[in-house]
Amino acid sequence: MIIPWQQIDPTTLYNLIESFVLREGTDYGLQEKSLQQKVADVLRQVQSGEAVLVWSELHESINIMPRAQYRPD
């Protein structure tokens, strides 16, 4: 189920994104980005609709994924 980011407290949203960024360990190429830059990038993607917050009942957790990859059960 997609969770509307607009309904999440801004501090909670930031913490969710920060946790996601720290968990992902993504390679950003030749230029390393700070944690704050990575969080800002993901936040922009969420706000633009490019990425979505997804609640998993099975795992009782929230994840962030590209909208194109989201497949509702």
N, C-alpha and C. Protein backbone atom coordinates (compact mmCIF):
# COMPACT_ATOMS: atom_id res chain seq x y z
N MET A 1 0.85 -1.16 0.00
CA MET A 1 0.00 0.00 0.00
C MET A 1 0.90 1.24 0.00
N ILE A 2 0.60 2.20 -0.88
CA ILE A 2 1.36 3.45 -0.92
C ILE A 2 0.89 4.36 0.20
N ILE A 3 1.84 4.92 0.91
CA ILE A 3 1.56 5.88 1.99
C ILE A 3 1.78 7.28 1.43
N PRO A 4 0.76 8.15 1.43
CA PRO A 4 0.95 9.52 0.93
C PRO A 4 1.96 10.28 1.81
N TRP A 5 3.04 10.73 1.20
CA TRP A 5 4.09 11.42 1.96
C TRP A 5 3.59 12.70 2.60
N GLN A 6 2.56 13.31 2.00
CA GLN A 6 2.02 14.57 2.53
C GLN A 6 1.36 14.38 3.89
N GLN A 7 0.97 13.16 4.21
CA GLN A 7 0.29 12.88 5.48
C GLN A 7 1.25 12.49 6.60
N ILE A 8 2.54 12.52 6.31
CA ILE A 8 3.55 12.15 7.31
C ILE A 8 4.19 13.42 7.85
N ASP A 9 4.34 13.48 9.16
CA ASP A 9 5.01 14.61 9.79
C ASP A 9 6.38 14.80 9.14
N PRO A 10 6.77 16.05 8.82
CA PRO A 10 8.05 16.29 8.13
C PRO A 10 9.27 15.68 8.82
N THR A 11 9.31 15.71 10.14
CA THR A 11 10.43 15.12 10.86
C THR A 11 10.44 13.60 10.69
N THR A 12 9.28 12.99 10.76
CA THR A 12 9.17 11.54 10.57
C THR A 12 9.56 11.17 9.15
N LEU A 13 9.12 11.94 8.17
CA LEU A 13 9.47 11.68 6.78
C LEU A 13 10.99 11.76 6.59
N TYR A 14 11.61 12.80 7.15
CA TYR A 14 13.07 12.93 7.06
C TYR A 14 13.74 11.71 7.68
N ASN A 15 13.28 11.28 8.85
CA ASN A 15 13.88 10.13 9.52
C ASN A 15 13.70 8.84 8.72
N LEU A 16 12.54 8.66 8.09
CA LEU A 16 12.31 7.49 7.24
C LEU A 16 13.28 7.47 6.07
N ILE A 17 13.43 8.63 5.44
CA ILE A 17 14.32 8.72 4.28
C ILE A 17 15.77 8.52 4.71
N GLU A 18 16.16 9.12 5.81
CA GLU A 18 17.52 8.96 6.31
C GLU A 18 17.81 7.48 6.60
N SER A 19 16.88 6.80 7.24
CA SER A 19 17.04 5.38 7.52
C SER A 19 17.17 4.58 6.23
N PHE A 20 16.36 4.91 5.24
CA PHE A 20 16.42 4.24 3.94
C PHE A 20 17.79 4.45 3.29
N VAL A 21 18.27 5.68 3.29
CA VAL A 21 19.57 5.99 2.67
C VAL A 21 20.69 5.23 3.37
N LEU A 22 20.68 5.21 4.68
CA LEU A 22 21.71 4.50 5.43
C LEU A 22 21.66 2.99 5.19
N ARG A 23 20.47 2.46 5.01
CA ARG A 23 20.27 1.03 4.79
C ARG A 23 20.69 0.61 3.38
N GLU A 24 20.47 1.48 2.41
CA GLU A 24 20.70 1.14 1.01
C GLU A 24 22.17 1.00 0.64
N GLY A 25 23.02 1.88 1.12
CA GLY A 25 24.44 1.80 0.78
C GLY A 25 24.69 1.93 -0.71
N THR A 26 23.96 2.81 -1.35
CA THR A 26 24.03 2.97 -2.80
C THR A 26 25.35 3.61 -3.23
N ASP A 27 25.87 3.16 -4.37
CA ASP A 27 27.07 3.75 -4.96
C ASP A 27 26.66 4.95 -5.79
N TYR A 28 27.23 6.10 -5.51
CA TYR A 28 26.88 7.33 -6.21
C TYR A 28 27.92 7.72 -7.24
N GLY A 29 28.76 6.79 -7.65
CA GLY A 29 29.73 7.07 -8.70
C GLY A 29 30.99 7.74 -8.17
N LEU A 30 31.60 8.55 -9.04
CA LEU A 30 32.87 9.17 -8.71
C LEU A 30 32.76 10.23 -7.62
N GLN A 31 31.65 10.93 -7.58
CA GLN A 31 31.46 11.98 -6.58
C GLN A 31 30.64 11.44 -5.41
N GLU A 32 31.27 11.38 -4.27
CA GLU A 32 30.56 10.94 -3.07
C GLU A 32 29.67 12.07 -2.57
N LYS A 33 28.48 11.73 -2.12
CA LYS A 33 27.54 12.72 -1.60
C LYS A 33 27.42 12.56 -0.09
N SER A 34 27.14 13.67 0.58
CA SER A 34 26.93 13.61 2.03
C SER A 34 25.57 12.97 2.31
N LEU A 35 25.39 12.55 3.54
CA LEU A 35 24.11 11.97 3.95
C LEU A 35 22.99 12.97 3.70
N GLN A 36 23.22 14.22 4.03
CA GLN A 36 22.20 15.25 3.84
C GLN A 36 21.84 15.40 2.35
N GLN A 37 22.83 15.33 1.47
CA GLN A 37 22.56 15.43 0.03
C GLN A 37 21.76 14.22 -0.46
N LYS A 38 22.10 13.04 0.04
CA LYS A 38 21.39 11.83 -0.36
C LYS A 38 19.93 11.89 0.11
N VAL A 39 19.72 12.34 1.34
CA VAL A 39 18.36 12.47 1.87
C VAL A 39 17.58 13.48 1.03
N ALA A 40 18.19 14.60 0.70
CA ALA A 40 17.52 15.62 -0.11
C ALA A 40 17.16 15.08 -1.49
N ASP A 41 18.03 14.27 -2.08
CA ASP A 41 17.75 13.67 -3.39
C ASP A 41 16.53 12.75 -3.32
N VAL A 42 16.49 11.90 -2.30
CA VAL A 42 15.36 10.97 -2.15
C VAL A 42 14.09 11.75 -1.84
N LEU A 43 14.18 12.77 -1.01
CA LEU A 43 13.01 13.59 -0.70
C LEU A 43 12.44 14.22 -1.97
N ARG A 44 13.30 14.74 -2.82
CA ARG A 44 12.83 15.31 -4.10
C ARG A 44 12.12 14.25 -4.95
N GLN A 45 12.66 13.05 -4.96
CA GLN A 45 12.04 11.96 -5.74
C GLN A 45 10.67 11.60 -5.18
N VAL A 46 10.56 11.58 -3.86
CA VAL A 46 9.27 11.29 -3.22
C VAL A 46 8.26 12.40 -3.51
N GLN A 47 8.69 13.65 -3.36
CA GLN A 47 7.80 14.79 -3.59
C GLN A 47 7.35 14.88 -5.05
N SER A 48 8.20 14.48 -5.97
CA SER A 48 7.84 14.55 -7.39
C SER A 48 6.99 13.36 -7.84
N GLY A 49 6.92 12.32 -7.00
CA GLY A 49 6.15 11.13 -7.35
C GLY A 49 6.98 10.08 -8.06
N GLU A 50 8.25 10.37 -8.25
CA GLU A 50 9.16 9.42 -8.89
C GLU A 50 9.40 8.19 -8.00
N ALA A 51 9.39 8.43 -6.69
CA ALA A 51 9.54 7.36 -5.70
C ALA A 51 8.33 7.39 -4.77
N VAL A 52 7.99 6.25 -4.20
CA VAL A 52 6.83 6.16 -3.31
C VAL A 52 7.21 5.46 -2.01
N LEU A 53 6.47 5.81 -0.95
CA LEU A 53 6.60 5.14 0.34
C LEU A 53 5.61 3.98 0.34
N VAL A 54 6.09 2.80 0.63
CA VAL A 54 5.25 1.60 0.55
C VAL A 54 5.23 0.87 1.88
N TRP A 55 4.04 0.63 2.40
CA TRP A 55 3.85 -0.14 3.63
C TRP A 55 3.68 -1.61 3.25
N SER A 56 4.45 -2.47 3.89
CA SER A 56 4.34 -3.91 3.69
C SER A 56 3.67 -4.52 4.92
N GLU A 57 2.46 -5.04 4.74
CA GLU A 57 1.79 -5.70 5.87
C GLU A 57 2.54 -6.97 6.27
N LEU A 58 3.07 -7.67 5.27
CA LEU A 58 3.79 -8.91 5.53
C LEU A 58 5.00 -8.67 6.44
N HIS A 59 5.78 -7.62 6.13
CA HIS A 59 6.99 -7.33 6.88
C HIS A 59 6.80 -6.26 7.95
N GLU A 60 5.60 -5.67 7.98
CA GLU A 60 5.27 -4.59 8.91
C GLU A 60 6.36 -3.52 8.90
N SER A 61 6.64 -3.03 7.68
CA SER A 61 7.69 -2.03 7.52
C SER A 61 7.35 -1.10 6.34
N ILE A 62 8.06 0.04 6.33
CA ILE A 62 7.91 0.99 5.24
C ILE A 62 9.19 0.96 4.42
N ASN A 63 9.03 0.98 3.11
CA ASN A 63 10.17 1.03 2.21
C ASN A 63 9.94 2.14 1.21
N ILE A 64 11.00 2.56 0.53
CA ILE A 64 10.90 3.56 -0.52
C ILE A 64 11.37 2.89 -1.79
N MET A 65 10.58 3.05 -2.85
CA MET A 65 10.95 2.43 -4.11
C MET A 65 10.52 3.30 -5.28
N PRO A 66 11.15 3.10 -6.42
CA PRO A 66 10.71 3.82 -7.61
C PRO A 66 9.26 3.46 -7.92
N ARG A 67 8.47 4.46 -8.29
CA ARG A 67 7.06 4.21 -8.60
C ARG A 67 6.91 3.12 -9.66
N ALA A 68 7.79 3.11 -10.64
CA ALA A 68 7.73 2.13 -11.74
C ALA A 68 7.89 0.69 -11.25
N GLN A 69 8.54 0.49 -10.11
CA GLN A 69 8.75 -0.84 -9.57
C GLN A 69 7.66 -1.30 -8.62
N TYR A 70 6.78 -0.38 -8.23
CA TYR A 70 5.73 -0.73 -7.26
C TYR A 70 4.68 -1.62 -7.91
N ARG A 71 4.46 -2.76 -7.31
CA ARG A 71 3.45 -3.71 -7.76
C ARG A 71 2.56 -4.05 -6.59
N PRO A 72 1.34 -3.49 -6.55
CA PRO A 72 0.45 -3.82 -5.43
C PRO A 72 0.09 -5.29 -5.44
N ASP A 73 -0.04 -5.85 -4.26
CA ASP A 73 -0.40 -7.29 -4.15
C ASP A 73 -1.85 -7.51 -4.47
